[in-house]
Amino acid sequence: MKSCGRLERLRRRALDEHGVSFITVMMIMLMVGALGVAALTMTGLENSTAGAMRMVEEGTDAAESCVGMSVNIIQQGIDLGTVPAAFVDSQGGPVPAINAAFLGQEINGTLANNPDVAVGSVKSPNLVMKVNNYDVNGDIDFQFRKQKAGGTSSIAAGYEGTGTGASSVDMFYRVDCTASNAATGTTSRVIAVYDCLAAGDGCTRRSY
């Protein structure tokens, strides 16, 4: 009888230990599952972040393309006092024909600090471009002219108001370009200020 009672106790103890082992295995499985879910979540966040960064970079590159095109138009337009015909949309360029004459006045300095904007409900962009999947609108505004130290006066030389032919005069422009992707809702904006010689010899980007 004693041996039977001992066997019964051993059997119950073994069953109890089986229950503890089962709980331990379940706990381990839950921990491994939680770690797996966390790893998948982190991977998804990293992929989303990388995708978002890539879209921002693409948008910024598109806006920078607009800035580069704007400077090219400014450099070639300073001596002419107007927008070169090759840049007008009727010739395949980015400048809307309806805005070309107006932009020419901004380039030669006749219109300073004009309040026109490239985006918004009352937009009147000076440049309209398509860069990859981005629609890019740009605005060029003449800010002011400044006589170089030791240079010949532009007023005395007859260049005030035209901005042409005076190598000792700096012309300052503000270029504002916005790139937007309707499919992703991504928008990137680049604003730059350029100091250009009135003789059309080149432009230098300044801190904004």
N, C-alpha and C. Protein backbone atom coordinates (compact mmCIF):
# COMPACT_ATOMS: atom_id res chain seq x y z
N MET A 1 0.82 -1.20 0.00
CA MET A 1 0.00 0.00 0.00
C MET A 1 0.86 1.25 0.00
N LYS A 2 1.96 1.20 0.81
CA LYS A 2 2.83 2.37 0.87
C LYS A 2 3.48 2.62 -0.48
N SER A 3 3.86 1.52 -1.13
CA SER A 3 4.52 1.69 -2.43
C SER A 3 3.54 2.24 -3.46
N CYS A 4 2.29 1.81 -3.36
CA CYS A 4 1.29 2.35 -4.29
C CYS A 4 1.07 3.84 -4.07
N GLY A 5 1.04 4.25 -2.76
CA GLY A 5 0.86 5.67 -2.47
C GLY A 5 2.02 6.50 -2.96
N ARG A 6 3.25 5.93 -2.84
CA ARG A 6 4.44 6.64 -3.30
C ARG A 6 4.41 6.81 -4.83
N LEU A 7 4.00 5.75 -5.51
CA LEU A 7 3.91 5.83 -6.97
C LEU A 7 2.89 6.87 -7.43
N GLU A 8 1.80 6.93 -6.69
CA GLU A 8 0.77 7.91 -7.03
C GLU A 8 1.29 9.34 -6.87
N ARG A 9 2.04 9.55 -5.76
CA ARG A 9 2.59 10.89 -5.54
C ARG A 9 3.60 11.25 -6.63
N LEU A 10 4.42 10.25 -7.02
CA LEU A 10 5.39 10.50 -8.10
C LEU A 10 4.69 10.82 -9.41
N ARG A 11 3.58 10.11 -9.67
CA ARG A 11 2.84 10.34 -10.90
C ARG A 11 2.26 11.75 -10.93
N ARG A 12 1.71 12.17 -9.78
CA ARG A 12 1.14 13.52 -9.70
C ARG A 12 2.21 14.59 -9.85
N ARG A 13 3.35 14.31 -9.23
CA ARG A 13 4.45 15.28 -9.33
C ARG A 13 4.92 15.40 -10.79
N ALA A 14 4.97 14.26 -11.47
CA ALA A 14 5.38 14.29 -12.89
C ALA A 14 4.39 15.09 -13.72
N LEU A 15 3.08 14.89 -13.42
CA LEU A 15 2.07 15.65 -14.14
C LEU A 15 2.21 17.14 -13.87
N ASP A 16 2.49 17.49 -12.60
CA ASP A 16 2.70 18.91 -12.25
C ASP A 16 3.88 19.49 -13.02
N GLU A 17 4.96 18.70 -13.12
CA GLU A 17 6.13 19.18 -13.84
C GLU A 17 5.84 19.34 -15.33
N HIS A 18 5.00 18.45 -15.87
CA HIS A 18 4.59 18.60 -17.27
C HIS A 18 3.87 19.94 -17.47
N GLY A 19 3.06 20.34 -16.52
CA GLY A 19 2.34 21.61 -16.61
C GLY A 19 3.29 22.79 -16.57
N VAL A 20 4.31 22.70 -15.69
CA VAL A 20 5.32 23.76 -15.61
C VAL A 20 6.10 23.86 -16.91
N SER A 21 6.47 22.72 -17.47
CA SER A 21 7.20 22.72 -18.75
C SER A 21 6.36 23.34 -19.86
N PHE A 22 5.08 23.01 -19.87
CA PHE A 22 4.18 23.56 -20.89
C PHE A 22 4.10 25.08 -20.79
N ILE A 23 3.96 25.57 -19.54
CA ILE A 23 3.89 27.02 -19.32
C ILE A 23 5.20 27.68 -19.74
N THR A 24 6.33 27.05 -19.42
CA THR A 24 7.63 27.60 -19.78
C THR A 24 7.79 27.70 -21.30
N VAL A 25 7.39 26.61 -22.00
CA VAL A 25 7.46 26.61 -23.46
C VAL A 25 6.56 27.69 -24.05
N MET A 26 5.36 27.86 -23.49
CA MET A 26 4.45 28.89 -23.97
C MET A 26 5.02 30.29 -23.78
N MET A 27 5.65 30.50 -22.61
CA MET A 27 6.25 31.81 -22.34
C MET A 27 7.37 32.10 -23.35
N ILE A 28 8.19 31.08 -23.62
CA ILE A 28 9.28 31.26 -24.58
C ILE A 28 8.73 31.58 -25.96
N MET A 29 7.67 30.86 -26.34
CA MET A 29 7.07 31.10 -27.65
C MET A 29 6.48 32.50 -27.75
N LEU A 30 5.86 32.96 -26.67
CA LEU A 30 5.30 34.32 -26.66
C LEU A 30 6.41 35.36 -26.79
N MET A 31 7.52 35.14 -26.08
CA MET A 31 8.63 36.10 -26.15
C MET A 31 9.24 36.13 -27.56
N VAL A 32 9.42 34.93 -28.15
CA VAL A 32 9.97 34.88 -29.50
C VAL A 32 9.02 35.54 -30.49
N GLY A 33 7.72 35.30 -30.32
CA GLY A 33 6.74 35.93 -31.20
C GLY A 33 6.75 37.44 -31.08
N ALA A 34 6.85 37.93 -29.83
CA ALA A 34 6.88 39.38 -29.61
C ALA A 34 8.13 39.99 -30.25
N LEU A 35 9.27 39.31 -30.10
CA LEU A 35 10.50 39.81 -30.71
C LEU A 35 10.38 39.82 -32.24
N GLY A 36 9.72 38.80 -32.80
CA GLY A 36 9.53 38.74 -34.24
C GLY A 36 8.66 39.89 -34.75
N VAL A 37 7.56 40.14 -34.02
CA VAL A 37 6.67 41.24 -34.41
C VAL A 37 7.41 42.57 -34.31
N ALA A 38 8.20 42.74 -33.25
CA ALA A 38 8.97 43.99 -33.09
C ALA A 38 9.96 44.17 -34.23
N ALA A 39 10.63 43.06 -34.62
CA ALA A 39 11.60 43.14 -35.71
C ALA A 39 10.92 43.51 -37.02
N LEU A 40 9.75 42.91 -37.28
CA LEU A 40 9.02 43.23 -38.51
C LEU A 40 8.56 44.68 -38.51
N THR A 41 8.11 45.16 -37.33
CA THR A 41 7.66 46.55 -37.23
C THR A 41 8.80 47.51 -37.48
N MET A 42 9.98 47.23 -36.89
CA MET A 42 11.14 48.10 -37.08
C MET A 42 11.58 48.10 -38.55
N THR A 43 11.52 46.93 -39.18
CA THR A 43 11.90 46.85 -40.60
C THR A 43 10.94 47.67 -41.45
N GLY A 44 9.64 47.56 -41.15
CA GLY A 44 8.65 48.35 -41.89
C GLY A 44 8.85 49.84 -41.71
N LEU A 45 9.16 50.27 -40.46
CA LEU A 45 9.40 51.69 -40.21
C LEU A 45 10.64 52.17 -40.94
N GLU A 46 11.68 51.35 -40.95
CA GLU A 46 12.90 51.74 -41.65
C GLU A 46 12.65 51.88 -43.15
N ASN A 47 11.88 50.94 -43.70
CA ASN A 47 11.56 51.03 -45.13
C ASN A 47 10.73 52.27 -45.44
N SER A 48 9.76 52.56 -44.57
CA SER A 48 8.92 53.75 -44.77
C SER A 48 9.75 55.02 -44.68
N THR A 49 10.66 55.06 -43.69
CA THR A 49 11.51 56.23 -43.52
C THR A 49 12.43 56.41 -44.73
N ALA A 50 13.00 55.30 -45.20
CA ALA A 50 13.88 55.37 -46.36
C ALA A 50 13.11 55.85 -47.59
N GLY A 51 11.88 55.35 -47.76
CA GLY A 51 11.06 55.79 -48.89
C GLY A 51 10.72 57.26 -48.81
N ALA A 52 10.39 57.72 -47.60
CA ALA A 52 10.06 59.14 -47.42
C ALA A 52 11.27 60.02 -47.71
N MET A 53 12.44 59.60 -47.23
CA MET A 53 13.66 60.36 -47.47
C MET A 53 13.98 60.40 -48.96
N ARG A 54 13.75 59.29 -49.65
CA ARG A 54 14.02 59.24 -51.08
C ARG A 54 13.11 60.21 -51.83
N MET A 55 11.83 60.26 -51.44
CA MET A 55 10.89 61.17 -52.10
C MET A 55 11.27 62.63 -51.85
N VAL A 56 11.71 62.92 -50.61
CA VAL A 56 12.14 64.29 -50.29
C VAL A 56 13.35 64.67 -51.13
N GLU A 57 14.30 63.75 -51.25
CA GLU A 57 15.50 64.02 -52.05
C GLU A 57 15.14 64.23 -53.52
N GLU A 58 14.23 63.40 -54.05
CA GLU A 58 13.82 63.55 -55.45
C GLU A 58 13.13 64.90 -55.66
N GLY A 59 12.27 65.29 -54.71
CA GLY A 59 11.59 66.57 -54.82
C GLY A 59 12.56 67.74 -54.75
N THR A 60 13.54 67.64 -53.85
CA THR A 60 14.54 68.70 -53.73
C THR A 60 15.38 68.80 -54.99
N ASP A 61 15.75 67.66 -55.55
CA ASP A 61 16.52 67.67 -56.81
C ASP A 61 15.71 68.32 -57.93
N ALA A 62 14.40 68.04 -57.97
CA ALA A 62 13.55 68.65 -59.00
C ALA A 62 13.49 70.16 -58.83
N ALA A 63 13.35 70.61 -57.58
CA ALA A 63 13.32 72.06 -57.31
C ALA A 63 14.66 72.71 -57.64
N GLU A 64 15.75 72.01 -57.35
CA GLU A 64 17.08 72.54 -57.66
C GLU A 64 17.28 72.66 -59.17
N SER A 65 16.68 71.74 -59.92
CA SER A 65 16.75 71.84 -61.39
C SER A 65 16.11 73.13 -61.87
N CYS A 66 15.00 73.49 -61.23
CA CYS A 66 14.32 74.74 -61.56
C CYS A 66 15.19 75.94 -61.22
N VAL A 67 15.87 75.87 -60.07
CA VAL A 67 16.76 76.97 -59.68
C VAL A 67 17.88 77.13 -60.70
N GLY A 68 18.48 76.00 -61.11
CA GLY A 68 19.55 76.07 -62.11
C GLY A 68 19.07 76.65 -63.43
N MET A 69 17.88 76.26 -63.85
CA MET A 69 17.31 76.79 -65.09
C MET A 69 17.06 78.30 -64.94
N SER A 70 16.59 78.72 -63.78
CA SER A 70 16.31 80.15 -63.54
C SER A 70 17.58 80.98 -63.67
N VAL A 71 18.67 80.49 -63.08
CA VAL A 71 19.93 81.23 -63.15
C VAL A 71 20.41 81.32 -64.60
N ASN A 72 20.23 80.25 -65.34
CA ASN A 72 20.62 80.27 -66.75
C ASN A 72 19.83 81.33 -67.51
N ILE A 73 18.53 81.42 -67.23
CA ILE A 73 17.69 82.43 -67.89
C ILE A 73 18.13 83.83 -67.49
N ILE A 74 18.44 84.01 -66.21
CA ILE A 74 18.89 85.33 -65.73
C ILE A 74 20.18 85.74 -66.43
N GLN A 75 21.15 84.83 -66.45
CA GLN A 75 22.45 85.16 -67.04
C GLN A 75 22.33 85.55 -68.51
N GLN A 76 21.53 84.79 -69.25
CA GLN A 76 21.39 85.10 -70.67
C GLN A 76 20.45 86.28 -70.92
N GLY A 77 19.55 86.54 -69.98
CA GLY A 77 18.58 87.61 -70.17
C GLY A 77 19.04 88.98 -69.74
N ILE A 78 20.10 89.05 -68.90
CA ILE A 78 20.55 90.36 -68.40
C ILE A 78 20.98 91.27 -69.54
N ASP A 79 21.83 90.78 -70.42
CA ASP A 79 22.31 91.63 -71.52
C ASP A 79 21.21 91.96 -72.51
N LEU A 80 20.30 90.99 -72.73
CA LEU A 80 19.21 91.23 -73.67
C LEU A 80 18.13 92.14 -73.09
N GLY A 81 18.02 92.13 -71.77
CA GLY A 81 16.97 92.92 -71.12
C GLY A 81 15.61 92.26 -71.23
N THR A 82 15.59 91.01 -71.69
CA THR A 82 14.34 90.27 -71.82
C THR A 82 14.66 88.78 -71.80
N VAL A 83 13.64 87.96 -71.84
CA VAL A 83 13.84 86.52 -71.82
C VAL A 83 14.24 86.04 -73.21
N PRO A 84 15.34 85.31 -73.34
CA PRO A 84 15.71 84.77 -74.66
C PRO A 84 14.59 83.90 -75.21
N ALA A 85 14.34 84.02 -76.50
CA ALA A 85 13.21 83.33 -77.12
C ALA A 85 13.26 81.82 -76.93
N ALA A 86 14.48 81.27 -76.85
CA ALA A 86 14.62 79.82 -76.73
C ALA A 86 14.04 79.28 -75.43
N PHE A 87 13.85 80.15 -74.43
CA PHE A 87 13.34 79.71 -73.14
C PHE A 87 11.82 79.83 -73.03
N VAL A 88 11.18 80.39 -74.04
CA VAL A 88 9.73 80.57 -74.00
C VAL A 88 9.06 79.25 -74.41
N ASP A 89 7.92 78.96 -73.81
CA ASP A 89 7.28 77.65 -74.03
C ASP A 89 6.90 77.39 -75.48
N SER A 90 6.67 78.44 -76.25
CA SER A 90 6.35 78.24 -77.66
C SER A 90 7.53 77.65 -78.43
N GLN A 91 8.74 77.77 -77.84
CA GLN A 91 9.95 77.18 -78.42
C GLN A 91 10.40 75.96 -77.63
N GLY A 92 9.51 75.47 -76.75
CA GLY A 92 9.85 74.30 -75.95
C GLY A 92 10.52 74.62 -74.63
N GLY A 93 10.54 75.91 -74.26
CA GLY A 93 11.18 76.31 -73.01
C GLY A 93 10.22 76.30 -71.84
N PRO A 94 10.71 76.61 -70.64
CA PRO A 94 9.88 76.55 -69.44
C PRO A 94 9.11 77.82 -69.11
N VAL A 95 9.37 78.91 -69.82
CA VAL A 95 8.73 80.19 -69.49
C VAL A 95 7.42 80.33 -70.25
N PRO A 96 6.29 80.47 -69.55
CA PRO A 96 5.01 80.67 -70.23
C PRO A 96 5.05 81.92 -71.10
N ALA A 97 4.58 81.82 -72.33
CA ALA A 97 4.63 82.95 -73.26
C ALA A 97 3.91 84.17 -72.70
N ILE A 98 2.82 83.93 -71.96
CA ILE A 98 2.04 85.04 -71.42
C ILE A 98 2.81 85.79 -70.34
N ASN A 99 3.86 85.15 -69.80
CA ASN A 99 4.62 85.74 -68.70
C ASN A 99 6.01 86.18 -69.12
N ALA A 100 6.38 85.96 -70.38
CA ALA A 100 7.76 86.20 -70.81
C ALA A 100 8.15 87.68 -70.72
N ALA A 101 7.29 88.57 -71.23
CA ALA A 101 7.62 90.00 -71.20
C ALA A 101 7.72 90.52 -69.77
N PHE A 102 6.81 90.03 -68.93
CA PHE A 102 6.81 90.44 -67.52
C PHE A 102 8.10 89.98 -66.84
N LEU A 103 8.51 88.72 -67.10
CA LEU A 103 9.75 88.20 -66.53
C LEU A 103 10.95 88.98 -67.03
N GLY A 104 10.91 89.41 -68.30
CA GLY A 104 12.01 90.21 -68.83
C GLY A 104 12.20 91.50 -68.05
N GLN A 105 11.10 92.12 -67.63
CA GLN A 105 11.19 93.33 -66.83
C GLN A 105 11.78 93.05 -65.45
N GLU A 106 11.49 91.87 -64.92
CA GLU A 106 12.07 91.51 -63.63
C GLU A 106 13.56 91.23 -63.76
N ILE A 107 13.96 90.61 -64.86
CA ILE A 107 15.37 90.31 -65.06
C ILE A 107 16.19 91.58 -65.26
N ASN A 108 15.69 92.53 -66.06
CA ASN A 108 16.49 93.73 -66.30
C ASN A 108 16.38 94.76 -65.19
N GLY A 109 15.60 94.47 -64.17
CA GLY A 109 15.56 95.34 -62.99
C GLY A 109 14.51 96.43 -63.05
N THR A 110 13.66 96.43 -64.08
CA THR A 110 12.59 97.43 -64.16
C THR A 110 11.58 97.22 -63.04
N LEU A 111 11.29 95.96 -62.73
CA LEU A 111 10.39 95.62 -61.64
C LEU A 111 11.18 95.00 -60.50
N ALA A 112 11.15 95.64 -59.34
CA ALA A 112 11.89 95.13 -58.19
C ALA A 112 10.92 94.64 -57.11
N ASN A 113 11.27 93.50 -56.49
CA ASN A 113 10.49 92.94 -55.38
C ASN A 113 9.01 92.78 -55.75
N ASN A 114 8.76 92.28 -56.92
CA ASN A 114 7.38 92.08 -57.35
C ASN A 114 6.72 90.98 -56.52
N PRO A 115 5.47 91.18 -56.11
CA PRO A 115 4.81 90.22 -55.22
C PRO A 115 4.25 88.97 -55.91
N ASP A 116 4.55 88.76 -57.18
CA ASP A 116 4.01 87.57 -57.86
C ASP A 116 4.57 86.30 -57.22
N VAL A 117 3.79 85.23 -57.27
CA VAL A 117 4.19 83.96 -56.65
C VAL A 117 4.00 82.82 -57.65
N ALA A 118 4.72 81.73 -57.42
CA ALA A 118 4.69 80.61 -58.35
C ALA A 118 3.64 79.56 -57.99
N VAL A 119 3.19 79.54 -56.75
CA VAL A 119 2.21 78.55 -56.31
C VAL A 119 1.08 79.25 -55.55
N GLY A 120 -0.03 78.54 -55.38
CA GLY A 120 -1.15 79.10 -54.64
C GLY A 120 -2.32 79.44 -55.56
N SER A 121 -3.35 80.02 -54.97
CA SER A 121 -4.57 80.32 -55.72
C SER A 121 -4.39 81.45 -56.72
N VAL A 122 -3.42 82.33 -56.48
CA VAL A 122 -3.17 83.46 -57.39
C VAL A 122 -1.80 83.33 -58.04
N LYS A 123 -1.39 82.12 -58.30
CA LYS A 123 -0.05 81.88 -58.83
C LYS A 123 0.11 82.43 -60.24
N SER A 124 1.32 82.90 -60.51
CA SER A 124 1.69 83.36 -61.84
C SER A 124 3.16 82.99 -62.04
N PRO A 125 3.44 81.69 -62.23
CA PRO A 125 4.83 81.24 -62.27
C PRO A 125 5.61 81.77 -63.46
N ASN A 126 6.88 82.08 -63.22
CA ASN A 126 7.77 82.49 -64.30
C ASN A 126 8.30 81.28 -65.06
N LEU A 127 8.34 80.13 -64.38
CA LEU A 127 8.80 78.90 -65.01
C LEU A 127 7.83 77.77 -64.67
N VAL A 128 7.57 76.92 -65.63
CA VAL A 128 6.75 75.73 -65.41
C VAL A 128 7.51 74.55 -66.02
N MET A 129 7.85 73.58 -65.17
CA MET A 129 8.67 72.46 -65.62
C MET A 129 8.07 71.13 -65.16
N LYS A 130 8.45 70.07 -65.86
CA LYS A 130 8.10 68.71 -65.46
C LYS A 130 9.41 67.96 -65.29
N VAL A 131 9.72 67.58 -64.04
CA VAL A 131 10.96 66.86 -63.76
C VAL A 131 10.59 65.51 -63.16
N ASN A 132 10.82 64.45 -63.92
CA ASN A 132 10.40 63.11 -63.53
C ASN A 132 8.90 63.11 -63.22
N ASN A 133 8.53 62.78 -61.99
CA ASN A 133 7.10 62.76 -61.63
C ASN A 133 6.67 64.04 -60.91
N TYR A 134 7.48 65.06 -60.95
CA TYR A 134 7.21 66.28 -60.21
C TYR A 134 6.82 67.43 -61.13
N ASP A 135 5.80 68.16 -60.72
CA ASP A 135 5.42 69.41 -61.38
C ASP A 135 6.14 70.54 -60.65
N VAL A 136 6.92 71.30 -61.37
CA VAL A 136 7.76 72.32 -60.74
C VAL A 136 7.37 73.71 -61.25
N ASN A 137 7.12 74.62 -60.33
CA ASN A 137 6.83 76.02 -60.66
C ASN A 137 7.91 76.89 -60.03
N GLY A 138 8.37 77.87 -60.79
CA GLY A 138 9.42 78.74 -60.29
C GLY A 138 9.09 80.22 -60.42
N ASP A 139 9.66 81.01 -59.52
CA ASP A 139 9.45 82.46 -59.53
C ASP A 139 10.81 83.15 -59.43
N ILE A 140 11.04 84.13 -60.29
CA ILE A 140 12.27 84.92 -60.27
C ILE A 140 11.90 86.36 -59.92
N ASP A 141 12.52 86.89 -58.89
CA ASP A 141 12.25 88.28 -58.48
C ASP A 141 13.56 89.05 -58.40
N PHE A 142 13.61 90.20 -59.08
CA PHE A 142 14.75 91.10 -58.94
C PHE A 142 14.62 91.81 -57.60
N GLN A 143 15.70 91.81 -56.80
CA GLN A 143 15.67 92.42 -55.48
C GLN A 143 16.21 93.86 -55.50
N PHE A 144 17.48 93.99 -55.84
CA PHE A 144 18.09 95.33 -55.89
C PHE A 144 19.43 95.22 -56.62
N ARG A 145 20.00 96.37 -56.96
CA ARG A 145 21.33 96.42 -57.56
C ARG A 145 22.26 97.15 -56.59
N LYS A 146 23.52 96.79 -56.64
CA LYS A 146 24.50 97.38 -55.73
C LYS A 146 25.78 97.68 -56.49
N GLN A 147 26.27 98.92 -56.30
CA GLN A 147 27.52 99.33 -56.95
C GLN A 147 28.71 98.65 -56.27
N LYS A 148 29.59 98.05 -57.07
CA LYS A 148 30.80 97.48 -56.49
C LYS A 148 31.71 98.59 -56.00
N ALA A 149 32.42 98.33 -54.92
CA ALA A 149 33.35 99.32 -54.38
C ALA A 149 34.43 99.64 -55.42
N GLY A 150 34.61 100.95 -55.72
CA GLY A 150 35.62 101.36 -56.68
C GLY A 150 35.18 101.26 -58.13
N GLY A 151 33.92 100.84 -58.35
CA GLY A 151 33.44 100.69 -59.71
C GLY A 151 32.85 101.97 -60.25
N THR A 152 32.64 102.00 -61.56
CA THR A 152 32.02 103.17 -62.21
C THR A 152 30.55 103.21 -61.88
N SER A 153 30.05 104.38 -61.55
CA SER A 153 28.65 104.52 -61.20
C SER A 153 27.75 104.12 -62.37
N SER A 154 26.79 103.25 -62.09
CA SER A 154 25.87 102.82 -63.14
C SER A 154 24.97 103.97 -63.57
N ILE A 155 24.70 104.91 -62.66
CA ILE A 155 23.85 106.05 -63.00
C ILE A 155 24.57 106.96 -63.99
N ALA A 156 25.87 107.20 -63.68
CA ALA A 156 26.65 108.06 -64.56
C ALA A 156 26.84 107.41 -65.93
N ALA A 157 26.93 106.07 -65.92
CA ALA A 157 27.14 105.37 -67.19
C ALA A 157 25.84 105.17 -67.95
N GLY A 158 24.71 105.54 -67.33
CA GLY A 158 23.44 105.43 -68.01
C GLY A 158 22.79 104.07 -67.92
N TYR A 159 23.18 103.26 -66.89
CA TYR A 159 22.65 101.90 -66.80
C TYR A 159 21.59 101.75 -65.73
N GLU A 160 21.30 102.77 -64.96
CA GLU A 160 20.29 102.65 -63.92
C GLU A 160 18.94 102.32 -64.54
N GLY A 161 18.32 101.26 -64.07
CA GLY A 161 17.00 100.88 -64.55
C GLY A 161 17.04 99.85 -65.66
N THR A 162 18.22 99.62 -66.24
CA THR A 162 18.30 98.61 -67.28
C THR A 162 19.12 97.42 -66.84
N GLY A 163 20.13 97.66 -66.04
CA GLY A 163 20.94 96.57 -65.54
C GLY A 163 21.82 95.93 -66.61
N THR A 164 22.12 96.64 -67.68
CA THR A 164 22.91 96.06 -68.76
C THR A 164 24.22 96.80 -68.95
N GLY A 165 25.27 96.03 -69.26
CA GLY A 165 26.53 96.61 -69.67
C GLY A 165 27.43 97.13 -68.58
N ALA A 166 27.06 97.12 -67.33
CA ALA A 166 27.88 97.68 -66.26
C ALA A 166 28.52 96.55 -65.47
N SER A 167 29.80 96.28 -65.73
CA SER A 167 30.48 95.17 -65.06
C SER A 167 30.72 95.44 -63.58
N SER A 168 30.57 96.70 -63.15
CA SER A 168 30.82 97.03 -61.75
C SER A 168 29.54 97.08 -60.92
N VAL A 169 28.44 96.59 -61.47
CA VAL A 169 27.16 96.60 -60.77
C VAL A 169 26.70 95.17 -60.51
N ASP A 170 26.35 94.89 -59.25
CA ASP A 170 25.81 93.59 -58.88
C ASP A 170 24.29 93.67 -58.87
N MET A 171 23.65 92.69 -59.49
CA MET A 171 22.19 92.60 -59.50
C MET A 171 21.81 91.39 -58.65
N PHE A 172 20.89 91.58 -57.72
CA PHE A 172 20.50 90.51 -56.81
C PHE A 172 19.10 90.00 -57.15
N TYR A 173 19.01 88.66 -57.22
CA TYR A 173 17.74 88.01 -57.57
C TYR A 173 17.39 86.95 -56.53
N ARG A 174 16.10 86.81 -56.32
CA ARG A 174 15.58 85.75 -55.46
C ARG A 174 14.85 84.74 -56.33
N VAL A 175 15.29 83.49 -56.26
CA VAL A 175 14.68 82.41 -57.04
C VAL A 175 13.95 81.47 -56.09
N ASP A 176 12.68 81.23 -56.36
CA ASP A 176 11.84 80.41 -55.49
C ASP A 176 11.19 79.31 -56.34
N CYS A 177 11.57 78.06 -56.08
CA CYS A 177 11.04 76.94 -56.87
C CYS A 177 10.39 75.90 -55.96
N THR A 178 9.23 75.42 -56.38
CA THR A 178 8.48 74.41 -55.63
C THR A 178 8.17 73.22 -56.53
N ALA A 179 8.52 72.03 -56.05
CA ALA A 179 8.25 70.79 -56.79
C ALA A 179 7.21 69.99 -56.02
N SER A 180 6.19 69.51 -56.72
CA SER A 180 5.13 68.75 -56.06
C SER A 180 4.80 67.50 -56.87
N ASN A 181 4.50 66.43 -56.13
CA ASN A 181 4.11 65.16 -56.74
C ASN A 181 2.71 64.84 -56.26
N ALA A 182 1.73 64.95 -57.16
CA ALA A 182 0.33 64.77 -56.79
C ALA A 182 0.05 63.34 -56.32
N ALA A 183 0.77 62.36 -56.88
CA ALA A 183 0.52 60.96 -56.54
C ALA A 183 0.91 60.64 -55.10
N THR A 184 2.01 61.22 -54.64
CA THR A 184 2.51 60.93 -53.29
C THR A 184 2.21 62.04 -52.30
N GLY A 185 1.80 63.21 -52.81
CA GLY A 185 1.55 64.33 -51.92
C GLY A 185 2.82 65.00 -51.42
N THR A 186 3.95 64.69 -52.05
CA THR A 186 5.23 65.24 -51.64
C THR A 186 5.45 66.63 -52.25
N THR A 187 5.91 67.56 -51.43
CA THR A 187 6.22 68.91 -51.91
C THR A 187 7.58 69.33 -51.37
N SER A 188 8.41 69.85 -52.24
CA SER A 188 9.74 70.34 -51.84
C SER A 188 9.92 71.75 -52.39
N ARG A 189 10.51 72.59 -51.57
CA ARG A 189 10.69 73.99 -51.97
C ARG A 189 12.14 74.42 -51.74
N VAL A 190 12.70 75.10 -52.74
CA VAL A 190 14.07 75.61 -52.63
C VAL A 190 14.05 77.10 -52.95
N ILE A 191 14.61 77.90 -52.07
CA ILE A 191 14.72 79.35 -52.27
C ILE A 191 16.20 79.71 -52.26
N ALA A 192 16.62 80.48 -53.25
CA ALA A 192 18.03 80.86 -53.34
C ALA A 192 18.14 82.31 -53.77
N VAL A 193 19.20 82.95 -53.34
CA VAL A 193 19.49 84.33 -53.73
C VAL A 193 20.79 84.34 -54.53
N TYR A 194 20.76 85.01 -55.67
CA TYR A 194 21.94 85.06 -56.55
C TYR A 194 22.38 86.50 -56.78
N ASP A 195 23.68 86.67 -56.77
CA ASP A 195 24.32 87.96 -57.07
C ASP A 195 24.91 87.83 -58.47
N CYS A 196 24.37 88.61 -59.41
CA CYS A 196 24.79 88.50 -60.81
C CYS A 196 25.39 89.82 -61.28
N LEU A 197 26.49 89.74 -62.02
CA LEU A 197 27.08 90.94 -62.60
C LEU A 197 26.16 91.48 -63.69
N ALA A 198 26.00 92.78 -63.70
CA ALA A 198 25.09 93.41 -64.66
C ALA A 198 25.55 93.24 -66.10
N ALA A 199 26.84 92.89 -66.29
CA ALA A 199 27.34 92.68 -67.64
C ALA A 199 27.02 91.27 -68.12
N GLY A 200 26.36 90.48 -67.27
CA GLY A 200 26.01 89.12 -67.65
C GLY A 200 27.17 88.15 -67.59
N ASP A 201 28.18 88.46 -66.76
CA ASP A 201 29.39 87.63 -66.69
C ASP A 201 29.27 86.46 -65.72
N GLY A 202 28.16 86.31 -65.04
CA GLY A 202 28.02 85.17 -64.12
C GLY A 202 27.25 85.54 -62.88
N CYS A 203 26.76 84.48 -62.19
CA CYS A 203 25.99 84.66 -60.96
C CYS A 203 26.60 83.82 -59.85
N THR A 204 26.52 84.33 -58.64
CA THR A 204 27.04 83.64 -57.47
C THR A 204 25.91 83.44 -56.47
N ARG A 205 25.77 82.22 -56.00
CA ARG A 205 24.71 81.92 -55.02
C ARG A 205 25.11 82.45 -53.65
N ARG A 206 24.18 83.13 -53.02
CA ARG A 206 24.41 83.69 -51.69
C ARG A 206 23.57 82.94 -50.66
N SER A 207 23.98 83.05 -49.39
CA SER A 207 23.19 82.43 -48.33
C SER A 207 21.89 83.18 -48.19
N TYR A 208 20.81 82.42 -47.92
CA TYR A 208 19.49 83.02 -47.85
C TYR A 208 19.02 83.04 -46.41
